[in-house]
Amino acid sequence: MVRASTVVILAGVGLLFVPIPPIATILGVLTILTGVGLRVFKDK
C-alpha cells in the first residue's frame, strides 16, 4: 500500500507545475515539507 507521505510529496511536486507562480510554488514547497515531516515522524 502507498504511504500517505508519498502521496503528499507527489501532490506537492504537482503543485510546483501549476501556472500560478507565487501561490503554487509556496504551497508546493510547504506540501513537500509536510510530506517529508510525515515520513520522518509518522511512517517509521
C-alpha atoms as a PDB file:
ATOM      1  CA  MET A   1       0.000   0.000   0.000  1.00  0.00           C
ATOM      2  CA  VAL A   2       1.174   3.533  -0.750  1.00  0.00           C
ATOM      3  CA  ARG A   3       2.164   5.618   2.251  1.00  0.00           C
ATOM      4  CA  ALA A   4       0.278   8.834   2.895  1.00  0.00           C
ATOM      5  CA  SER A   5       3.557  10.759   2.963  1.00  0.00           C
ATOM      6  CA  THR A   6       4.356   9.624  -0.588  1.00  0.00           C
ATOM      7  CA  VAL A   7       1.005  10.889  -1.841  1.00  0.00           C
ATOM      8  CA  VAL A   8       1.533  14.238  -0.085  1.00  0.00           C
ATOM      9  CA  ILE A   9       5.029  14.632  -1.568  1.00  0.00           C
ATOM     10  CA  LEU A  10       3.758  13.829  -5.072  1.00  0.00           C
ATOM     11  CA  ALA A  11       0.915  16.338  -4.649  1.00  0.00           C
ATOM     12  CA  GLY A  12       3.486  18.975  -3.688  1.00  0.00           C
ATOM     13  CA  VAL A  13       5.582  18.226  -6.765  1.00  0.00           C
ATOM     14  CA  GLY A  14       2.426  18.520  -8.877  1.00  0.00           C
ATOM     15  CA  LEU A  15       1.706  21.938  -7.371  1.00  0.00           C
ATOM     16  CA  LEU A  16       5.115  23.190  -8.481  1.00  0.00           C
ATOM     17  CA  PHE A  17       3.938  22.947 -12.117  1.00  0.00           C
ATOM     18  CA  VAL A  18       0.690  24.920 -11.642  1.00  0.00           C
ATOM     19  CA  PRO A  19       0.905  28.161 -13.656  1.00  0.00           C
ATOM     20  CA  ILE A  20       0.248  30.478 -10.691  1.00  0.00           C
ATOM     21  CA  PRO A  21       3.877  31.045  -9.687  1.00  0.00           C
ATOM     22  CA  PRO A  22       3.913  32.646  -6.223  1.00  0.00           C
ATOM     23  CA  ILE A  23       0.972  30.774  -4.701  1.00  0.00           C
ATOM     24  CA  ALA A  24       1.612  27.382  -6.274  1.00  0.00           C
ATOM     25  CA  THR A  25       5.336  27.470  -5.521  1.00  0.00           C
ATOM     26  CA  ILE A  26       4.798  28.296  -1.845  1.00  0.00           C
ATOM     27  CA  LEU A  27       2.041  25.685  -1.474  1.00  0.00           C
ATOM     28  CA  GLY A  28       4.125  23.114  -3.356  1.00  0.00           C
ATOM     29  CA  VAL A  29       7.153  23.583  -1.121  1.00  0.00           C
ATOM     30  CA  LEU A  30       5.021  23.535   2.044  1.00  0.00           C
ATOM     31  CA  THR A  31       3.247  20.387   0.864  1.00  0.00           C
ATOM     32  CA  ILE A  32       6.550  18.649   0.116  1.00  0.00           C
ATOM     33  CA  LEU A  33       7.907  19.622   3.540  1.00  0.00           C
ATOM     34  CA  THR A  34       4.712  18.318   5.161  1.00  0.00           C
ATOM     35  CA  GLY A  35       5.132  15.001   3.328  1.00  0.00           C
ATOM     36  CA  VAL A  36       8.753  14.720   4.434  1.00  0.00           C
ATOM     37  CA  GLY A  37       7.694  15.523   8.002  1.00  0.00           C
ATOM     38  CA  LEU A  38       5.044  12.817   7.875  1.00  0.00           C
ATOM     39  CA  ARG A  39       7.597  10.332   6.593  1.00  0.00           C
ATOM     40  CA  VAL A  40      10.083  11.207   9.341  1.00  0.00           C
ATOM     41  CA  PHE A  41       7.697  11.377  12.295  1.00  0.00           C
ATOM     42  CA  LYS A  42       4.831   9.028  11.415  1.00  0.00           C
ATOM     43  CA  ASP A  43       5.984   6.320   8.972  1.00  0.00           C
ATOM     44  CA  LYS A  44       8.682   4.538  10.925  1.00  0.00           C
END
